[in-house]
Amino acid sequence: MKFSTRIDAEMPASRLFDKVNDFNRLEQLLIQRGASVTRIDPADEPGTGMGWNIAFDWRGRERALRLEVVRFDRPEHVTMTGLSEALELTIDSSVVALSQTRSRLVFEADIRPRNMRARLMLQTAKLGKARLDRRFETRIRELVGELGGLG
């Protein structure tokens, strides 16, 4: 199942890229929301190979996700892949300069099932895809706002 959204910002593309890909700030936001976040690699600079083990409660059960940066092309594109017990996740974020002071973030998430239970869950979720699309856009807009990428 694919989700995507576009968000325009009143800032240069390189600055938006840096705000949206501030991994230390992302870690803090996840922890504030109750997730347990452990860095896999010791690198301080963002780039390919960065990764995290993330544990969180969802629908009354503890879930675990291993997330890794597989492509990091500053100031344009970042791709992360994630793996959980039930799902494979690919997150792409691209920043496009619209002018010297305006830019656009294109954020896409692709979720694929790894087992029959997850396949059934995603099939059921497709019935409410329009509502899920709206929630996805709202959540990404909130996240970008919290990272300082809007305004």
N, C-alpha and C. Protein backbone atom coordinates (compact mmCIF):
# COMPACT_ATOMS: atom_id res chain seq x y z
N MET A 1 0.86 -1.16 0.00
CA MET A 1 0.00 0.00 0.00
C MET A 1 0.90 1.22 0.00
N LYS A 2 0.59 2.16 -0.86
CA LYS A 2 1.41 3.37 -1.00
C LYS A 2 0.67 4.59 -0.48
N PHE A 3 1.44 5.45 0.19
CA PHE A 3 0.93 6.74 0.64
C PHE A 3 1.90 7.79 0.15
N SER A 4 1.39 8.96 -0.24
CA SER A 4 2.29 10.04 -0.62
C SER A 4 1.61 11.38 -0.35
N THR A 5 2.45 12.37 -0.12
CA THR A 5 1.96 13.73 0.09
C THR A 5 3.02 14.71 -0.36
N ARG A 6 2.56 15.93 -0.66
CA ARG A 6 3.46 17.02 -1.05
C ARG A 6 3.21 18.18 -0.11
N ILE A 7 4.30 18.77 0.38
CA ILE A 7 4.20 19.89 1.31
C ILE A 7 5.11 21.00 0.80
N ASP A 8 4.54 22.19 0.59
CA ASP A 8 5.31 23.35 0.16
C ASP A 8 5.75 24.14 1.38
N ALA A 9 6.98 24.67 1.31
CA ALA A 9 7.54 25.43 2.44
C ALA A 9 8.18 26.71 1.92
N GLU A 10 8.13 27.72 2.75
CA GLU A 10 8.73 29.02 2.43
C GLU A 10 10.17 29.05 2.93
N MET A 11 11.02 28.22 2.35
CA MET A 11 12.45 28.20 2.69
C MET A 11 13.22 27.54 1.56
N PRO A 12 14.51 27.81 1.47
CA PRO A 12 15.33 27.18 0.43
C PRO A 12 15.33 25.66 0.57
N ALA A 13 15.50 24.97 -0.53
CA ALA A 13 15.46 23.51 -0.54
C ALA A 13 16.50 22.89 0.38
N SER A 14 17.71 23.42 0.40
CA SER A 14 18.75 22.83 1.24
C SER A 14 18.39 22.93 2.73
N ARG A 15 17.77 24.04 3.11
CA ARG A 15 17.37 24.22 4.52
C ARG A 15 16.22 23.27 4.88
N LEU A 16 15.24 23.12 3.99
CA LEU A 16 14.14 22.20 4.23
C LEU A 16 14.67 20.77 4.35
N PHE A 17 15.59 20.40 3.46
CA PHE A 17 16.18 19.06 3.50
C PHE A 17 16.83 18.81 4.86
N ASP A 18 17.62 19.78 5.33
CA ASP A 18 18.29 19.62 6.62
C ASP A 18 17.31 19.53 7.78
N LYS A 19 16.23 20.30 7.73
CA LYS A 19 15.22 20.26 8.80
C LYS A 19 14.51 18.91 8.83
N VAL A 20 14.09 18.44 7.66
CA VAL A 20 13.32 17.21 7.58
C VAL A 20 14.18 15.98 7.89
N ASN A 21 15.46 16.06 7.63
CA ASN A 21 16.36 14.93 7.85
C ASN A 21 17.28 15.15 9.04
N ASP A 22 16.78 15.85 10.05
CA ASP A 22 17.49 16.01 11.31
C ASP A 22 17.18 14.77 12.15
N PHE A 23 17.99 13.74 12.00
CA PHE A 23 17.71 12.45 12.61
C PHE A 23 17.75 12.50 14.13
N ASN A 24 18.60 13.34 14.70
CA ASN A 24 18.62 13.47 16.15
C ASN A 24 17.28 14.01 16.66
N ARG A 25 16.73 14.99 15.97
CA ARG A 25 15.43 15.55 16.36
C ARG A 25 14.33 14.52 16.15
N LEU A 26 14.40 13.74 15.07
CA LEU A 26 13.42 12.68 14.83
C LEU A 26 13.45 11.66 15.97
N GLU A 27 14.64 11.29 16.42
CA GLU A 27 14.76 10.37 17.55
C GLU A 27 14.07 10.93 18.77
N GLN A 28 14.31 12.21 19.07
CA GLN A 28 13.69 12.86 20.22
C GLN A 28 12.17 12.84 20.11
N LEU A 29 11.64 13.14 18.93
CA LEU A 29 10.19 13.15 18.74
C LEU A 29 9.59 11.76 18.96
N LEU A 30 10.26 10.73 18.47
CA LEU A 30 9.77 9.36 18.67
C LEU A 30 9.77 8.99 20.16
N ILE A 31 10.82 9.36 20.86
CA ILE A 31 10.91 9.07 22.29
C ILE A 31 9.82 9.81 23.05
N GLN A 32 9.56 11.08 22.67
CA GLN A 32 8.50 11.85 23.32
C GLN A 32 7.13 11.20 23.11
N ARG A 33 6.98 10.48 22.03
CA ARG A 33 5.70 9.81 21.73
C ARG A 33 5.64 8.41 22.32
N GLY A 34 6.63 8.04 23.12
CA GLY A 34 6.58 6.77 23.83
C GLY A 34 7.33 5.62 23.19
N ALA A 35 8.02 5.86 22.10
CA ALA A 35 8.78 4.79 21.45
C ALA A 35 10.14 4.63 22.12
N SER A 36 10.68 3.45 22.02
CA SER A 36 12.05 3.19 22.46
C SER A 36 12.92 3.18 21.21
N VAL A 37 13.93 4.06 21.18
CA VAL A 37 14.75 4.20 19.99
C VAL A 37 16.21 3.91 20.34
N THR A 38 16.81 2.98 19.62
CA THR A 38 18.22 2.64 19.81
C THR A 38 18.94 2.75 18.49
N ARG A 39 20.01 3.57 18.47
CA ARG A 39 20.82 3.71 17.25
C ARG A 39 21.60 2.43 17.00
N ILE A 40 21.64 2.00 15.76
CA ILE A 40 22.39 0.80 15.38
C ILE A 40 23.84 1.16 15.10
N ASP A 41 24.07 2.32 14.47
CA ASP A 41 25.42 2.71 14.09
C ASP A 41 25.91 3.85 14.98
N PRO A 42 27.20 4.01 15.11
CA PRO A 42 27.73 5.08 15.95
C PRO A 42 27.98 6.41 15.22
N ALA A 43 27.68 6.49 13.94
CA ALA A 43 28.01 7.69 13.15
C ALA A 43 27.27 8.92 13.66
N ASP A 44 27.97 10.06 13.65
CA ASP A 44 27.35 11.32 14.04
C ASP A 44 26.75 12.04 12.84
N GLU A 45 27.38 11.90 11.69
CA GLU A 45 26.91 12.58 10.48
C GLU A 45 25.82 11.76 9.80
N PRO A 46 24.75 12.42 9.38
CA PRO A 46 23.70 11.68 8.67
C PRO A 46 24.21 11.13 7.35
N GLY A 47 23.75 9.94 7.00
CA GLY A 47 24.14 9.36 5.74
C GLY A 47 23.73 7.91 5.63
N THR A 48 24.12 7.29 4.53
CA THR A 48 23.80 5.89 4.28
C THR A 48 24.39 5.03 5.38
N GLY A 49 23.61 4.06 5.81
CA GLY A 49 24.06 3.15 6.85
C GLY A 49 23.55 3.49 8.23
N MET A 50 23.04 4.71 8.42
CA MET A 50 22.44 5.03 9.72
C MET A 50 21.25 4.12 9.93
N GLY A 51 21.03 3.73 11.17
CA GLY A 51 19.90 2.86 11.43
C GLY A 51 19.47 2.89 12.87
N TRP A 52 18.25 2.40 13.09
CA TRP A 52 17.66 2.41 14.42
C TRP A 52 16.84 1.15 14.63
N ASN A 53 16.80 0.70 15.86
CA ASN A 53 15.81 -0.28 16.31
C ASN A 53 14.77 0.53 17.08
N ILE A 54 13.53 0.42 16.65
CA ILE A 54 12.45 1.20 17.24
C ILE A 54 11.40 0.24 17.78
N ALA A 55 11.04 0.41 19.05
CA ALA A 55 9.99 -0.40 19.67
C ALA A 55 8.88 0.55 20.12
N PHE A 56 7.63 0.14 19.90
CA PHE A 56 6.50 1.00 20.26
C PHE A 56 5.26 0.13 20.46
N ASP A 57 4.30 0.67 21.18
CA ASP A 57 3.01 -0.01 21.37
C ASP A 57 2.05 0.46 20.29
N TRP A 58 1.40 -0.48 19.66
CA TRP A 58 0.38 -0.14 18.68
C TRP A 58 -0.73 -1.17 18.79
N ARG A 59 -1.93 -0.66 19.03
CA ARG A 59 -3.10 -1.51 19.19
C ARG A 59 -2.91 -2.57 20.26
N GLY A 60 -2.32 -2.13 21.38
CA GLY A 60 -2.19 -3.00 22.55
C GLY A 60 -1.07 -4.01 22.50
N ARG A 61 -0.24 -3.95 21.48
CA ARG A 61 0.88 -4.90 21.39
C ARG A 61 2.18 -4.17 21.16
N GLU A 62 3.24 -4.73 21.70
CA GLU A 62 4.58 -4.18 21.47
C GLU A 62 5.00 -4.54 20.03
N ARG A 63 5.44 -3.55 19.29
CA ARG A 63 5.90 -3.75 17.90
C ARG A 63 7.36 -3.33 17.83
N ALA A 64 8.08 -3.93 16.93
CA ALA A 64 9.49 -3.59 16.74
C ALA A 64 9.74 -3.36 15.26
N LEU A 65 10.57 -2.36 14.97
CA LEU A 65 10.89 -1.99 13.60
C LEU A 65 12.38 -1.68 13.53
N ARG A 66 13.04 -2.22 12.54
CA ARG A 66 14.44 -1.88 12.27
C ARG A 66 14.42 -0.98 11.04
N LEU A 67 14.91 0.25 11.19
CA LEU A 67 14.87 1.25 10.12
C LEU A 67 16.29 1.64 9.76
N GLU A 68 16.58 1.70 8.46
CA GLU A 68 17.94 2.02 8.00
C GLU A 68 17.90 2.97 6.81
N VAL A 69 18.84 3.91 6.79
CA VAL A 69 18.99 4.83 5.66
C VAL A 69 19.78 4.09 4.58
N VAL A 70 19.19 3.92 3.40
CA VAL A 70 19.86 3.21 2.31
C VAL A 70 20.30 4.14 1.19
N ARG A 71 19.76 5.37 1.18
CA ARG A 71 20.18 6.36 0.19
C ARG A 71 20.11 7.74 0.83
N PHE A 72 21.19 8.49 0.71
CA PHE A 72 21.23 9.83 1.29
C PHE A 72 21.96 10.74 0.31
N ASP A 73 21.19 11.47 -0.49
CA ASP A 73 21.74 12.37 -1.51
C ASP A 73 21.38 13.81 -1.13
N ARG A 74 22.21 14.43 -0.29
CA ARG A 74 21.97 15.82 0.12
C ARG A 74 22.11 16.71 -1.09
N PRO A 75 21.29 17.64 -1.36
CA PRO A 75 20.12 18.12 -0.62
C PRO A 75 18.80 17.72 -1.28
N GLU A 76 18.73 16.52 -1.84
CA GLU A 76 17.55 16.18 -2.62
C GLU A 76 16.75 14.99 -2.13
N HIS A 77 17.41 13.89 -1.80
CA HIS A 77 16.67 12.64 -1.63
C HIS A 77 17.21 11.79 -0.48
N VAL A 78 16.29 11.17 0.26
CA VAL A 78 16.64 10.19 1.29
C VAL A 78 15.68 9.02 1.16
N THR A 79 16.22 7.81 1.21
CA THR A 79 15.40 6.60 1.22
C THR A 79 15.77 5.79 2.45
N MET A 80 14.73 5.37 3.18
CA MET A 80 14.92 4.51 4.34
C MET A 80 14.10 3.25 4.13
N THR A 81 14.63 2.13 4.60
CA THR A 81 13.87 0.89 4.56
C THR A 81 13.70 0.39 5.98
N GLY A 82 12.56 -0.22 6.21
CA GLY A 82 12.26 -0.75 7.54
C GLY A 82 11.74 -2.16 7.44
N LEU A 83 11.97 -2.90 8.50
CA LEU A 83 11.54 -4.29 8.55
C LEU A 83 10.99 -4.57 9.93
N SER A 84 9.77 -5.11 9.96
CA SER A 84 9.19 -5.56 11.22
C SER A 84 8.80 -7.02 11.03
N GLU A 85 8.20 -7.59 12.04
CA GLU A 85 7.80 -8.98 11.95
C GLU A 85 6.81 -9.19 10.80
N ALA A 86 5.91 -8.23 10.62
CA ALA A 86 4.83 -8.41 9.65
C ALA A 86 4.97 -7.59 8.37
N LEU A 87 5.74 -6.49 8.42
CA LEU A 87 5.74 -5.55 7.29
C LEU A 87 7.14 -5.17 6.83
N GLU A 88 7.22 -4.82 5.54
CA GLU A 88 8.39 -4.16 4.97
C GLU A 88 7.96 -2.74 4.65
N LEU A 89 8.83 -1.79 4.94
CA LEU A 89 8.49 -0.39 4.78
C LEU A 89 9.59 0.30 3.99
N THR A 90 9.21 1.12 3.02
CA THR A 90 10.15 1.96 2.28
C THR A 90 9.64 3.39 2.38
N ILE A 91 10.51 4.29 2.84
CA ILE A 91 10.16 5.70 2.98
C ILE A 91 11.08 6.50 2.08
N ASP A 92 10.50 7.28 1.18
CA ASP A 92 11.26 8.16 0.29
C ASP A 92 10.87 9.59 0.59
N SER A 93 11.86 10.45 0.76
CA SER A 93 11.57 11.87 0.88
C SER A 93 12.48 12.61 -0.10
N SER A 94 11.85 13.48 -0.89
CA SER A 94 12.58 14.27 -1.87
C SER A 94 12.25 15.73 -1.66
N VAL A 95 13.25 16.58 -1.80
CA VAL A 95 13.04 18.02 -1.69
C VAL A 95 13.36 18.63 -3.05
N VAL A 96 12.41 19.41 -3.56
CA VAL A 96 12.54 20.05 -4.86
C VAL A 96 12.50 21.55 -4.67
N ALA A 97 13.46 22.26 -5.26
CA ALA A 97 13.45 23.72 -5.19
C ALA A 97 12.43 24.27 -6.18
N LEU A 98 11.50 25.07 -5.69
CA LEU A 98 10.52 25.72 -6.56
C LEU A 98 11.03 27.10 -6.97
N SER A 99 11.79 27.73 -6.09
CA SER A 99 12.46 29.00 -6.35
C SER A 99 13.59 29.10 -5.32
N GLN A 100 14.25 30.24 -5.24
CA GLN A 100 15.34 30.36 -4.26
C GLN A 100 14.82 30.35 -2.83
N THR A 101 13.57 30.73 -2.62
CA THR A 101 13.04 30.81 -1.26
C THR A 101 11.87 29.87 -1.00
N ARG A 102 11.47 29.08 -2.00
CA ARG A 102 10.36 28.12 -1.83
C ARG A 102 10.82 26.74 -2.25
N SER A 103 10.31 25.74 -1.54
CA SER A 103 10.65 24.36 -1.89
C SER A 103 9.47 23.44 -1.58
N ARG A 104 9.56 22.25 -2.11
CA ARG A 104 8.49 21.26 -1.93
C ARG A 104 9.10 19.96 -1.44
N LEU A 105 8.47 19.40 -0.40
CA LEU A 105 8.82 18.08 0.10
C LEU A 105 7.83 17.08 -0.47
N VAL A 106 8.35 16.04 -1.11
CA VAL A 106 7.52 14.94 -1.60
C VAL A 106 7.86 13.74 -0.72
N PHE A 107 6.87 13.29 0.04
CA PHE A 107 7.08 12.23 1.03
C PHE A 107 6.23 11.03 0.65
N GLU A 108 6.87 9.87 0.50
CA GLU A 108 6.16 8.65 0.09
C GLU A 108 6.51 7.51 1.02
N ALA A 109 5.52 6.70 1.33
CA ALA A 109 5.73 5.50 2.14
C ALA A 109 5.07 4.33 1.43
N ASP A 110 5.79 3.25 1.32
CA ASP A 110 5.27 2.04 0.68
C ASP A 110 5.35 0.92 1.71
N ILE A 111 4.20 0.31 2.00
CA ILE A 111 4.12 -0.74 3.01
C ILE A 111 3.76 -2.04 2.31
N ARG A 112 4.56 -3.09 2.59
CA ARG A 112 4.30 -4.40 1.98
C ARG A 112 4.21 -5.46 3.07
N PRO A 113 3.28 -6.40 2.91
CA PRO A 113 3.13 -7.46 3.92
C PRO A 113 4.24 -8.50 3.81
N ARG A 114 4.59 -9.09 4.98
CA ARG A 114 5.57 -10.18 5.01
C ARG A 114 4.93 -11.51 5.35
N ASN A 115 3.66 -11.47 5.76
CA ASN A 115 2.97 -12.72 6.08
C ASN A 115 1.49 -12.58 5.74
N MET A 116 0.76 -13.69 5.88
CA MET A 116 -0.65 -13.70 5.49
C MET A 116 -1.48 -12.77 6.37
N ARG A 117 -1.19 -12.72 7.64
CA ARG A 117 -1.95 -11.85 8.55
C ARG A 117 -1.80 -10.38 8.14
N ALA A 118 -0.58 -9.99 7.81
CA ALA A 118 -0.32 -8.61 7.37
C ALA A 118 -1.00 -8.34 6.03
N ARG A 119 -1.01 -9.32 5.17
CA ARG A 119 -1.66 -9.16 3.86
C ARG A 119 -3.16 -8.90 4.05
N LEU A 120 -3.79 -9.63 4.95
CA LEU A 120 -5.21 -9.43 5.23
C LEU A 120 -5.46 -8.06 5.86
N MET A 121 -4.55 -7.63 6.75
CA MET A 121 -4.68 -6.33 7.39
C MET A 121 -4.62 -5.21 6.34
N LEU A 122 -3.67 -5.31 5.41
CA LEU A 122 -3.54 -4.29 4.37
C LEU A 122 -4.72 -4.33 3.39
N GLN A 123 -5.22 -5.52 3.09
CA GLN A 123 -6.40 -5.63 2.21
C GLN A 123 -7.59 -4.91 2.84
N THR A 124 -7.78 -5.12 4.14
CA THR A 124 -8.87 -4.47 4.86
C THR A 124 -8.66 -2.96 4.90
N ALA A 125 -7.42 -2.54 5.11
CA ALA A 125 -7.11 -1.10 5.19
C ALA A 125 -7.39 -0.40 3.86
N LYS A 126 -7.23 -1.11 2.76
CA LYS A 126 -7.48 -0.49 1.44
C LYS A 126 -8.93 -0.03 1.28
N LEU A 127 -9.83 -0.64 2.04
CA LEU A 127 -11.23 -0.23 1.97
C LEU A 127 -11.42 1.20 2.46
N GLY A 128 -10.57 1.64 3.38
CA GLY A 128 -10.65 3.01 3.89
C GLY A 128 -9.47 3.84 3.45
N LYS A 129 -8.96 3.59 2.25
CA LYS A 129 -7.74 4.25 1.77
C LYS A 129 -7.85 5.77 1.73
N ALA A 130 -8.99 6.31 1.34
CA ALA A 130 -9.13 7.78 1.26
C ALA A 130 -8.96 8.41 2.64
N ARG A 131 -9.54 7.80 3.65
CA ARG A 131 -9.40 8.31 5.02
C ARG A 131 -7.95 8.18 5.50
N LEU A 132 -7.33 7.04 5.18
CA LEU A 132 -5.93 6.84 5.56
C LEU A 132 -5.01 7.84 4.86
N ASP A 133 -5.31 8.16 3.59
CA ASP A 133 -4.52 9.16 2.87
C ASP A 133 -4.59 10.52 3.57
N ARG A 134 -5.79 10.91 4.00
CA ARG A 134 -5.94 12.20 4.69
C ARG A 134 -5.19 12.20 6.01
N ARG A 135 -5.27 11.09 6.76
CA ARG A 135 -4.55 11.00 8.04
C ARG A 135 -3.04 11.03 7.83
N PHE A 136 -2.58 10.35 6.78
CA PHE A 136 -1.15 10.33 6.46
C PHE A 136 -0.67 11.75 6.18
N GLU A 137 -1.41 12.48 5.34
CA GLU A 137 -1.00 13.84 5.00
C GLU A 137 -0.98 14.73 6.25
N THR A 138 -1.99 14.60 7.09
CA THR A 138 -2.04 15.40 8.32
C THR A 138 -0.86 15.08 9.23
N ARG A 139 -0.56 13.81 9.41
CA ARG A 139 0.55 13.41 10.29
C ARG A 139 1.90 13.87 9.75
N ILE A 140 2.11 13.75 8.47
CA ILE A 140 3.38 14.19 7.89
C ILE A 140 3.51 15.70 7.99
N ARG A 141 2.44 16.42 7.75
CA ARG A 141 2.46 17.89 7.88
C ARG A 141 2.78 18.29 9.32
N GLU A 142 2.18 17.59 10.31
CA GLU A 142 2.48 17.86 11.72
C GLU A 142 3.94 17.56 12.04
N LEU A 143 4.45 16.44 11.53
CA LEU A 143 5.84 16.06 11.78
C LEU A 143 6.80 17.09 11.20
N VAL A 144 6.56 17.50 9.97
CA VAL A 144 7.42 18.49 9.33
C VAL A 144 7.36 19.81 10.09
N GLY A 145 6.18 20.17 10.58
CA GLY A 145 6.03 21.38 11.39
C GLY A 145 6.83 21.28 12.68
N GLU A 146 6.80 20.13 13.34
CA GLU A 146 7.55 19.92 14.59
C GLU A 146 9.06 19.94 14.35
N LEU A 147 9.47 19.52 13.16
CA LEU A 147 10.90 19.55 12.83
C LEU A 147 11.37 20.94 12.41
N GLY A 148 10.44 21.87 12.31
CA GLY A 148 10.78 23.24 11.94
C GLY A 148 10.84 23.44 10.44
N GLY A 149 10.25 22.53 9.68
CA GLY A 149 10.32 22.59 8.23
C GLY A 149 9.22 23.41 7.58
N LEU A 150 8.31 23.98 8.36
CA LEU A 150 7.27 24.83 7.79
C LEU A 150 7.40 26.22 8.38
N GLY A 151 7.19 27.21 7.54
CA GLY A 151 7.21 28.58 8.05
C GLY A 151 8.47 29.32 7.81
